[in-house]
């Protein structure tokens, strides 16, 4: 079982201001814009801090430099197996497996230095799972927040 490292993700106070900075000042190209979460082709993402707080259950009243607002994100097909392994190692969870608003199942936990690690199922896996449930291309696109062209490619 190999875990694929995807990208660092930082929570930001003002998603529009941060997007402008990375896109226009640092000339980074947006790969996918989910509104509260913007992924750049350079291999990192920014996440609206209030939305991030809702996903993790962590208070936004912490200092901006708090480790609770920095995470490393990985993907794995066999996410249930990893959750079981982590529990057997008494790893401290931020939260156990849960489904995000776009349908992806993820879990978050702390590394030994209390940085947040997130492991989620690949979005391609989410799309295939939705297809197996009988959702149409349009329903999958809407439910997963992924462009219909991407959904078509995954399902071909």
C-alpha atoms as a PDB file:
ATOM      1  CA  UNK A   1       0.000   0.000   0.000  1.00  0.00           C
ATOM      2  CA  UNK A   2       1.616   3.260  -1.149  1.00  0.00           C
ATOM      3  CA  UNK A   3       0.349   6.640   0.004  1.00  0.00           C
ATOM      4  CA  UNK A   4       0.574   9.359  -2.631  1.00  0.00           C
ATOM      5  CA  UNK A   5       1.707  12.767  -1.345  1.00  0.00           C
ATOM      6  CA  UNK A   6      -0.420  15.449  -3.001  1.00  0.00           C
ATOM      7  CA  UNK A   7       0.319  18.922  -1.669  1.00  0.00           C
ATOM      8  CA  UNK A   8       0.636  21.260   1.297  1.00  0.00           C
ATOM      9  CA  UNK A   9      -2.505  23.201   2.145  1.00  0.00           C
ATOM     10  CA  UNK A  10      -2.553  26.428   4.139  1.00  0.00           C
ATOM     11  CA  UNK A  11      -5.577  28.084   5.706  1.00  0.00           C
ATOM     12  CA  UNK A  12      -5.831  31.794   4.914  1.00  0.00           C
ATOM     13  CA  UNK A  13      -7.835  34.666   6.405  1.00  0.00           C
ATOM     14  CA  UNK A  14      -9.065  36.095   3.088  1.00  0.00           C
ATOM     15  CA  UNK A  15      -9.281  33.577   0.225  1.00  0.00           C
ATOM     16  CA  UNK A  16      -9.710  36.293  -2.428  1.00  0.00           C
ATOM     17  CA  UNK A  17      -6.754  38.346  -1.203  1.00  0.00           C
ATOM     18  CA  UNK A  18      -4.568  35.226  -0.967  1.00  0.00           C
ATOM     19  CA  UNK A  19      -5.653  33.952  -4.372  1.00  0.00           C
ATOM     20  CA  UNK A  20      -4.847  37.344  -5.878  1.00  0.00           C
ATOM     21  CA  UNK A  21      -1.412  37.282  -4.225  1.00  0.00           C
ATOM     22  CA  UNK A  22      -0.477  33.789  -5.421  1.00  0.00           C
ATOM     23  CA  UNK A  23      -2.042  34.196  -8.836  1.00  0.00           C
ATOM     24  CA  UNK A  24      -1.011  37.767  -9.684  1.00  0.00           C
ATOM     25  CA  UNK A  25       2.008  38.512  -7.522  1.00  0.00           C
ATOM     26  CA  UNK A  26       3.690  35.104  -7.564  1.00  0.00           C
ATOM     27  CA  UNK A  27       2.273  34.192 -11.008  1.00  0.00           C
ATOM     28  CA  UNK A  28       0.888  30.800  -9.933  1.00  0.00           C
ATOM     29  CA  UNK A  29      -1.725  29.213 -12.182  1.00  0.00           C
ATOM     30  CA  UNK A  30      -4.982  28.039 -10.639  1.00  0.00           C
ATOM     31  CA  UNK A  31      -5.625  24.369 -11.348  1.00  0.00           C
ATOM     32  CA  UNK A  32      -9.018  24.028  -9.632  1.00  0.00           C
ATOM     33  CA  UNK A  33     -11.126  26.664  -7.866  1.00  0.00           C
ATOM     34  CA  UNK A  34     -13.683  25.304  -5.399  1.00  0.00           C
ATOM     35  CA  UNK A  35     -14.388  28.736  -3.919  1.00  0.00           C
ATOM     36  CA  UNK A  36     -13.267  28.019  -0.353  1.00  0.00           C
ATOM     37  CA  UNK A  37     -10.360  25.882  -1.604  1.00  0.00           C
ATOM     38  CA  UNK A  38      -8.070  26.863  -4.478  1.00  0.00           C
ATOM     39  CA  UNK A  39      -5.444  24.437  -5.812  1.00  0.00           C
ATOM     40  CA  UNK A  40      -2.522  25.776  -7.824  1.00  0.00           C
ATOM     41  CA  UNK A  41      -0.587  23.930 -10.516  1.00  0.00           C
ATOM     42  CA  UNK A  42       2.581  24.528  -8.525  1.00  0.00           C
ATOM     43  CA  UNK A  43       1.499  21.844  -6.097  1.00  0.00           C
ATOM     44  CA  UNK A  44      -0.073  23.661  -3.166  1.00  0.00           C
ATOM     45  CA  UNK A  45      -3.494  24.852  -2.096  1.00  0.00           C
ATOM     46  CA  UNK A  46      -5.078  27.609  -0.047  1.00  0.00           C
ATOM     47  CA  UNK A  47      -8.220  27.108   1.989  1.00  0.00           C
ATOM     48  CA  UNK A  48     -10.524  29.728   3.501  1.00  0.00           C
ATOM     49  CA  UNK A  49      -9.783  29.665   7.238  1.00  0.00           C
ATOM     50  CA  UNK A  50     -13.441  29.760   8.315  1.00  0.00           C
ATOM     51  CA  UNK A  51     -14.341  26.919   5.959  1.00  0.00           C
ATOM     52  CA  UNK A  52     -11.259  24.990   7.100  1.00  0.00           C
ATOM     53  CA  UNK A  53     -12.343  25.511  10.713  1.00  0.00           C
ATOM     54  CA  UNK A  54     -15.752  24.050   9.880  1.00  0.00           C
ATOM     55  CA  UNK A  55     -14.142  20.990   8.277  1.00  0.00           C
ATOM     56  CA  UNK A  56     -11.694  20.331  11.114  1.00  0.00           C
ATOM     57  CA  UNK A  57     -13.700  21.606  14.071  1.00  0.00           C
ATOM     58  CA  UNK A  58     -10.724  23.730  15.153  1.00  0.00           C
ATOM     59  CA  UNK A  59     -11.283  27.246  16.472  1.00  0.00           C
ATOM     60  CA  UNK A  60     -10.285  30.135  14.213  1.00  0.00           C
ATOM     61  CA  UNK A  61      -9.424  32.189  17.273  1.00  0.00           C
ATOM     62  CA  UNK A  62      -5.937  30.686  17.355  1.00  0.00           C
ATOM     63  CA  UNK A  63      -2.876  32.567  16.223  1.00  0.00           C
ATOM     64  CA  UNK A  64      -2.297  32.513  12.482  1.00  0.00           C
ATOM     65  CA  UNK A  65       1.032  30.750  13.064  1.00  0.00           C
ATOM     66  CA  UNK A  66      -0.666  27.920  14.970  1.00  0.00           C
ATOM     67  CA  UNK A  67       0.140  24.441  13.635  1.00  0.00           C
ATOM     68  CA  UNK A  68      -3.602  23.707  13.557  1.00  0.00           C
ATOM     69  CA  UNK A  69      -3.870  25.742  10.363  1.00  0.00           C
ATOM     70  CA  UNK A  70      -1.160  23.945   8.408  1.00  0.00           C
ATOM     71  CA  UNK A  71      -1.580  20.440   7.071  1.00  0.00           C
ATOM     72  CA  UNK A  72       0.046  17.982   4.712  1.00  0.00           C
ATOM     73  CA  UNK A  73      -2.399  16.255   2.398  1.00  0.00           C
ATOM     74  CA  UNK A  74      -2.071  12.716   1.046  1.00  0.00           C
ATOM     75  CA  UNK A  75      -4.351  10.397  -0.931  1.00  0.00           C
ATOM     76  CA  UNK A  76      -4.900   6.668  -0.636  1.00  0.00           C
ATOM     77  CA  UNK A  77      -7.392   4.244  -2.201  1.00  0.00           C
ATOM     78  CA  UNK A  78      -7.471   1.966   0.853  1.00  0.00           C
ATOM     79  CA  UNK A  79      -8.318   4.717   3.324  1.00  0.00           C
ATOM     80  CA  UNK A  80     -10.194   2.386   5.683  1.00  0.00           C
ATOM     81  CA  UNK A  81      -7.119   0.168   6.076  1.00  0.00           C
ATOM     82  CA  UNK A  82      -4.997   3.176   7.012  1.00  0.00           C
ATOM     83  CA  UNK A  83      -7.558   4.420   9.522  1.00  0.00           C
ATOM     84  CA  UNK A  84      -7.502   1.018  11.244  1.00  0.00           C
ATOM     85  CA  UNK A  85      -3.689   1.036  11.291  1.00  0.00           C
ATOM     86  CA  UNK A  86      -3.541   4.544  12.754  1.00  0.00           C
ATOM     87  CA  UNK A  87      -6.039   3.620  15.471  1.00  0.00           C
ATOM     88  CA  UNK A  88      -3.948   0.571  16.367  1.00  0.00           C
ATOM     89  CA  UNK A  89      -0.941   2.883  16.808  1.00  0.00           C
ATOM     90  CA  UNK A  90      -2.920   5.206  19.131  1.00  0.00           C
ATOM     91  CA  UNK A  91      -2.434   8.153  16.779  1.00  0.00           C
ATOM     92  CA  UNK A  92      -4.311  11.250  17.937  1.00  0.00           C
ATOM     93  CA  UNK A  93      -7.055  12.121  15.444  1.00  0.00           C
ATOM     94  CA  UNK A  94      -8.285  15.606  14.671  1.00  0.00           C
ATOM     95  CA  UNK A  95     -11.278  13.688  13.327  1.00  0.00           C
ATOM     96  CA  UNK A  96     -11.808  10.154  12.124  1.00  0.00           C
ATOM     97  CA  UNK A  97     -13.086   9.372   8.630  1.00  0.00           C
ATOM     98  CA  UNK A  98     -15.819  11.700   7.454  1.00  0.00           C
ATOM     99  CA  UNK A  99     -17.259  12.743   4.138  1.00  0.00           C
ATOM    100  CA  UNK A 100     -16.490  16.243   2.916  1.00  0.00           C
ATOM    101  CA  UNK A 101     -19.207  18.373   1.269  1.00  0.00           C
ATOM    102  CA  UNK A 102     -17.881  17.302  -2.184  1.00  0.00           C
ATOM    103  CA  UNK A 103     -18.185  13.592  -1.314  1.00  0.00           C
ATOM    104  CA  UNK A 104     -14.542  12.770  -0.613  1.00  0.00           C
ATOM    105  CA  UNK A 105     -13.903  10.702   2.500  1.00  0.00           C
ATOM    106  CA  UNK A 106     -11.005  12.007   4.591  1.00  0.00           C
ATOM    107  CA  UNK A 107      -9.457  11.750   8.030  1.00  0.00           C
ATOM    108  CA  UNK A 108      -7.140  14.136   9.803  1.00  0.00           C
ATOM    109  CA  UNK A 109      -4.674  13.363  12.548  1.00  0.00           C
ATOM    110  CA  UNK A 110      -1.568  14.776  14.172  1.00  0.00           C
ATOM    111  CA  UNK A 111       1.996  13.852  13.369  1.00  0.00           C
ATOM    112  CA  UNK A 112       4.453  13.584  16.283  1.00  0.00           C
ATOM    113  CA  UNK A 113       5.032  17.362  16.227  1.00  0.00           C
ATOM    114  CA  UNK A 114       1.296  18.131  16.202  1.00  0.00           C
ATOM    115  CA  UNK A 115       1.094  19.122  12.546  1.00  0.00           C
ATOM    116  CA  UNK A 116      -2.140  18.040  10.898  1.00  0.00           C
ATOM    117  CA  UNK A 117      -1.934  15.251   8.331  1.00  0.00           C
ATOM    118  CA  UNK A 118      -4.934  14.640   6.089  1.00  0.00           C
ATOM    119  CA  UNK A 119      -5.460  11.458   4.108  1.00  0.00           C
ATOM    120  CA  UNK A 120      -8.294  11.448   1.609  1.00  0.00           C
ATOM    121  CA  UNK A 121      -9.487   9.122  -1.062  1.00  0.00           C
ATOM    122  CA  UNK A 122      -8.456  10.270  -4.573  1.00  0.00           C
ATOM    123  CA  UNK A 123     -11.106  12.325  -6.350  1.00  0.00           C
ATOM    124  CA  UNK A 124     -11.043   9.772  -9.170  1.00  0.00           C
ATOM    125  CA  UNK A 125     -12.074   7.165  -6.605  1.00  0.00           C
ATOM    126  CA  UNK A 126     -14.915   9.430  -5.395  1.00  0.00           C
ATOM    127  CA  UNK A 127     -16.166   9.820  -8.966  1.00  0.00           C
ATOM    128  CA  UNK A 128     -16.079   6.052  -9.543  1.00  0.00           C
ATOM    129  CA  UNK A 129     -17.871   5.481  -6.225  1.00  0.00           C
ATOM    130  CA  UNK A 130     -20.613   7.916  -7.224  1.00  0.00           C
ATOM    131  CA  UNK A 131     -20.910   6.240 -10.646  1.00  0.00           C
ATOM    132  CA  UNK A 132     -21.276   2.841  -8.935  1.00  0.00           C
ATOM    133  CA  UNK A 133     -24.176   4.332  -6.971  1.00  0.00           C
ATOM    134  CA  UNK A 134     -25.897   5.113 -10.288  1.00  0.00           C
ATOM    135  CA  UNK A 135     -25.415   8.888 -10.388  1.00  0.00           C
ATOM    136  CA  UNK A 136     -25.421  10.502 -13.839  1.00  0.00           C
ATOM    137  CA  UNK A 137     -22.402  12.424 -15.188  1.00  0.00           C
ATOM    138  CA  UNK A 138     -24.128  15.697 -14.316  1.00  0.00           C
ATOM    139  CA  UNK A 139     -25.014  14.510 -10.807  1.00  0.00           C
ATOM    140  CA  UNK A 140     -21.456  13.314 -10.212  1.00  0.00           C
ATOM    141  CA  UNK A 141     -20.047  16.629 -11.431  1.00  0.00           C
ATOM    142  CA  UNK A 142     -22.399  18.609  -9.204  1.00  0.00           C
ATOM    143  CA  UNK A 143     -21.961  16.374  -6.154  1.00  0.00           C
ATOM    144  CA  UNK A 144     -18.133  16.205  -6.431  1.00  0.00           C
ATOM    145  CA  UNK A 145     -17.620  19.842  -7.533  1.00  0.00           C
ATOM    146  CA  UNK A 146     -15.462  18.514 -10.364  1.00  0.00           C
ATOM    147  CA  UNK A 147     -15.807  19.705 -13.976  1.00  0.00           C
ATOM    148  CA  UNK A 148     -17.904  17.343 -16.096  1.00  0.00           C
ATOM    149  CA  UNK A 149     -14.953  16.960 -18.504  1.00  0.00           C
ATOM    150  CA  UNK A 150     -12.858  15.551 -15.646  1.00  0.00           C
ATOM    151  CA  UNK A 151     -15.687  13.197 -14.658  1.00  0.00           C
ATOM    152  CA  UNK A 152     -15.918  11.924 -18.244  1.00  0.00           C
ATOM    153  CA  UNK A 153     -12.157  11.276 -18.403  1.00  0.00           C
ATOM    154  CA  UNK A 154     -12.209   9.353 -15.114  1.00  0.00           C
ATOM    155  CA  UNK A 155     -15.130   7.205 -16.208  1.00  0.00           C
ATOM    156  CA  UNK A 156     -13.797   6.390 -19.694  1.00  0.00           C
END
